[in-house]
C-alpha atoms as a PDB file:
ATOM      1  CA  UNK A   1      19.005  22.389 -30.035  1.00  0.00           C
ATOM      2  CA  UNK A   2      18.244  18.773 -30.925  1.00  0.00           C
ATOM      3  CA  UNK A   3      17.597  17.973 -27.245  1.00  0.00           C
ATOM      4  CA  UNK A   4      15.065  20.799 -27.049  1.00  0.00           C
ATOM      5  CA  UNK A   5      13.307  19.482 -30.169  1.00  0.00           C
ATOM      6  CA  UNK A   6      13.134  15.978 -28.701  1.00  0.00           C
ATOM      7  CA  UNK A   7      11.802  17.361 -25.411  1.00  0.00           C
ATOM      8  CA  UNK A   8       9.163  19.399 -27.223  1.00  0.00           C
ATOM      9  CA  UNK A   9       8.168  16.422 -29.365  1.00  0.00           C
ATOM     10  CA  UNK A  10       7.980  14.237 -26.268  1.00  0.00           C
ATOM     11  CA  UNK A  11       5.762  16.778 -24.473  1.00  0.00           C
ATOM     12  CA  UNK A  12       3.471  17.128 -27.486  1.00  0.00           C
ATOM     13  CA  UNK A  13       3.160  13.334 -27.727  1.00  0.00           C
ATOM     14  CA  UNK A  14       2.394  13.035 -24.008  1.00  0.00           C
ATOM     15  CA  UNK A  15      -0.244  15.789 -24.200  1.00  0.00           C
ATOM     16  CA  UNK A  16      -1.884  14.107 -27.200  1.00  0.00           C
ATOM     17  CA  UNK A  17      -2.035  10.806 -25.304  1.00  0.00           C
ATOM     18  CA  UNK A  18      -3.475  12.541 -22.235  1.00  0.00           C
ATOM     19  CA  UNK A  19      -6.154  14.201 -24.374  1.00  0.00           C
ATOM     20  CA  UNK A  20      -7.163  10.898 -26.000  1.00  0.00           C
ATOM     21  CA  UNK A  21      -7.219   9.061 -22.660  1.00  0.00           C
ATOM     22  CA  UNK A  22      -9.414  11.797 -21.173  1.00  0.00           C
ATOM     23  CA  UNK A  23     -11.730  11.554 -24.189  1.00  0.00           C
ATOM     24  CA  UNK A  24     -12.045   7.756 -23.899  1.00  0.00           C
ATOM     25  CA  UNK A  25     -12.704   7.920 -20.151  1.00  0.00           C
ATOM     26  CA  UNK A  26     -15.212  10.776 -20.482  1.00  0.00           C
ATOM     27  CA  UNK A  27     -17.046   8.880 -23.217  1.00  0.00           C
ATOM     28  CA  UNK A  28     -17.188   5.634 -21.230  1.00  0.00           C
ATOM     29  CA  UNK A  29     -18.364   7.365 -18.058  1.00  0.00           C
ATOM     30  CA  UNK A  30     -20.681   9.793 -19.854  1.00  0.00           C
ATOM     31  CA  UNK A  31     -18.905  12.836 -18.407  1.00  0.00           C
ATOM     32  CA  UNK A  32     -18.615  16.251 -20.056  1.00  0.00           C
ATOM     33  CA  UNK A  33     -15.232  16.957 -18.469  1.00  0.00           C
ATOM     34  CA  UNK A  34     -12.499  14.807 -17.030  1.00  0.00           C
ATOM     35  CA  UNK A  35      -9.393  16.211 -15.329  1.00  0.00           C
ATOM     36  CA  UNK A  36      -5.949  14.676 -15.126  1.00  0.00           C
ATOM     37  CA  UNK A  37      -6.100  14.567 -11.327  1.00  0.00           C
ATOM     38  CA  UNK A  38      -9.527  12.884 -11.149  1.00  0.00           C
ATOM     39  CA  UNK A  39      -9.468   9.256 -10.070  1.00  0.00           C
ATOM     40  CA  UNK A  40     -11.595   6.776 -11.937  1.00  0.00           C
ATOM     41  CA  UNK A  41     -13.458   6.072  -8.707  1.00  0.00           C
ATOM     42  CA  UNK A  42     -14.204   9.793  -8.226  1.00  0.00           C
ATOM     43  CA  UNK A  43     -15.572   9.867 -11.761  1.00  0.00           C
ATOM     44  CA  UNK A  44     -17.987   7.052 -10.887  1.00  0.00           C
ATOM     45  CA  UNK A  45     -16.241   4.154 -12.622  1.00  0.00           C
ATOM     46  CA  UNK A  46     -16.906   0.585 -11.566  1.00  0.00           C
ATOM     47  CA  UNK A  47     -15.035  -2.589 -12.471  1.00  0.00           C
ATOM     48  CA  UNK A  48     -16.978  -3.045 -15.714  1.00  0.00           C
ATOM     49  CA  UNK A  49     -16.142   0.525 -16.747  1.00  0.00           C
ATOM     50  CA  UNK A  50     -12.467  -0.219 -16.105  1.00  0.00           C
ATOM     51  CA  UNK A  51     -12.589  -3.232 -18.422  1.00  0.00           C
ATOM     52  CA  UNK A  52     -14.323  -1.173 -21.126  1.00  0.00           C
ATOM     53  CA  UNK A  53     -11.802   1.658 -20.745  1.00  0.00           C
ATOM     54  CA  UNK A  54      -8.901  -0.799 -21.002  1.00  0.00           C
ATOM     55  CA  UNK A  55     -10.385  -2.388 -24.132  1.00  0.00           C
ATOM     56  CA  UNK A  56     -10.898   1.014 -25.775  1.00  0.00           C
ATOM     57  CA  UNK A  57      -7.352   2.087 -24.883  1.00  0.00           C
ATOM     58  CA  UNK A  58      -5.929  -1.137 -26.293  1.00  0.00           C
ATOM     59  CA  UNK A  59      -7.993  -0.773 -29.458  1.00  0.00           C
ATOM     60  CA  UNK A  60      -7.063   2.888 -29.984  1.00  0.00           C
ATOM     61  CA  UNK A  61      -3.361   2.626 -29.137  1.00  0.00           C
ATOM     62  CA  UNK A  62      -2.810  -0.931 -30.375  1.00  0.00           C
ATOM     63  CA  UNK A  63      -1.102  -2.148 -27.200  1.00  0.00           C
ATOM     64  CA  UNK A  64      -1.818  -4.114 -24.031  1.00  0.00           C
ATOM     65  CA  UNK A  65      -1.478  -2.081 -20.858  1.00  0.00           C
ATOM     66  CA  UNK A  66      -1.079  -2.690 -17.147  1.00  0.00           C
ATOM     67  CA  UNK A  67      -4.289  -3.451 -15.334  1.00  0.00           C
ATOM     68  CA  UNK A  68      -5.951  -0.152 -14.532  1.00  0.00           C
ATOM     69  CA  UNK A  69      -7.047   0.451 -10.949  1.00  0.00           C
ATOM     70  CA  UNK A  70     -10.088   2.405  -9.735  1.00  0.00           C
ATOM     71  CA  UNK A  71      -7.901   4.660  -7.605  1.00  0.00           C
ATOM     72  CA  UNK A  72      -5.633   5.655 -10.505  1.00  0.00           C
ATOM     73  CA  UNK A  73      -5.857   9.223 -11.668  1.00  0.00           C
ATOM     74  CA  UNK A  74      -6.502   9.962 -15.318  1.00  0.00           C
ATOM     75  CA  UNK A  75      -2.863  11.111 -15.474  1.00  0.00           C
ATOM     76  CA  UNK A  76      -1.682   7.704 -14.207  1.00  0.00           C
ATOM     77  CA  UNK A  77      -3.726   5.959 -16.894  1.00  0.00           C
ATOM     78  CA  UNK A  78      -2.181   8.247 -19.536  1.00  0.00           C
ATOM     79  CA  UNK A  79       1.323   7.577 -18.150  1.00  0.00           C
ATOM     80  CA  UNK A  80       0.683   3.844 -18.427  1.00  0.00           C
ATOM     81  CA  UNK A  81      -0.217   4.316 -22.102  1.00  0.00           C
ATOM     82  CA  UNK A  82       2.747   6.598 -22.729  1.00  0.00           C
ATOM     83  CA  UNK A  83       5.331   4.327 -21.084  1.00  0.00           C
ATOM     84  CA  UNK A  84       4.038   1.247 -22.893  1.00  0.00           C
ATOM     85  CA  UNK A  85       4.730   2.966 -26.206  1.00  0.00           C
ATOM     86  CA  UNK A  86       1.274   4.211 -27.076  1.00  0.00           C
ATOM     87  CA  UNK A  87       1.287   6.850 -29.784  1.00  0.00           C
ATOM     88  CA  UNK A  88      -1.481   9.347 -30.343  1.00  0.00           C
END
C-alpha cells in the first residue's frame, strides 16, 4: 500500500513538472500548445530561446540543470528537471 502511494505521488509530481515545463516553453516560444514529444527545434527554438528557457526553469524550480539541447523533446527537458530534484 505504501509503495502504491509513493508511486502515485511520484507520478503526480512528474506530471506537475511536465505541465510547468510545457508552460514555460510555450510562453517563451509564443506557442498555444506544446506536446511532450515535440523537440525544441520543431517548436522553432533557437539558441537564445534555449538560454531563456533554461533561466526560467532555474528560476522557477530553484536548481541548475544540464545544458538543454535543441533536439531534446519537451519530455526530456522535464525529465532533466525531475531528476535534478525540481519540485512543482
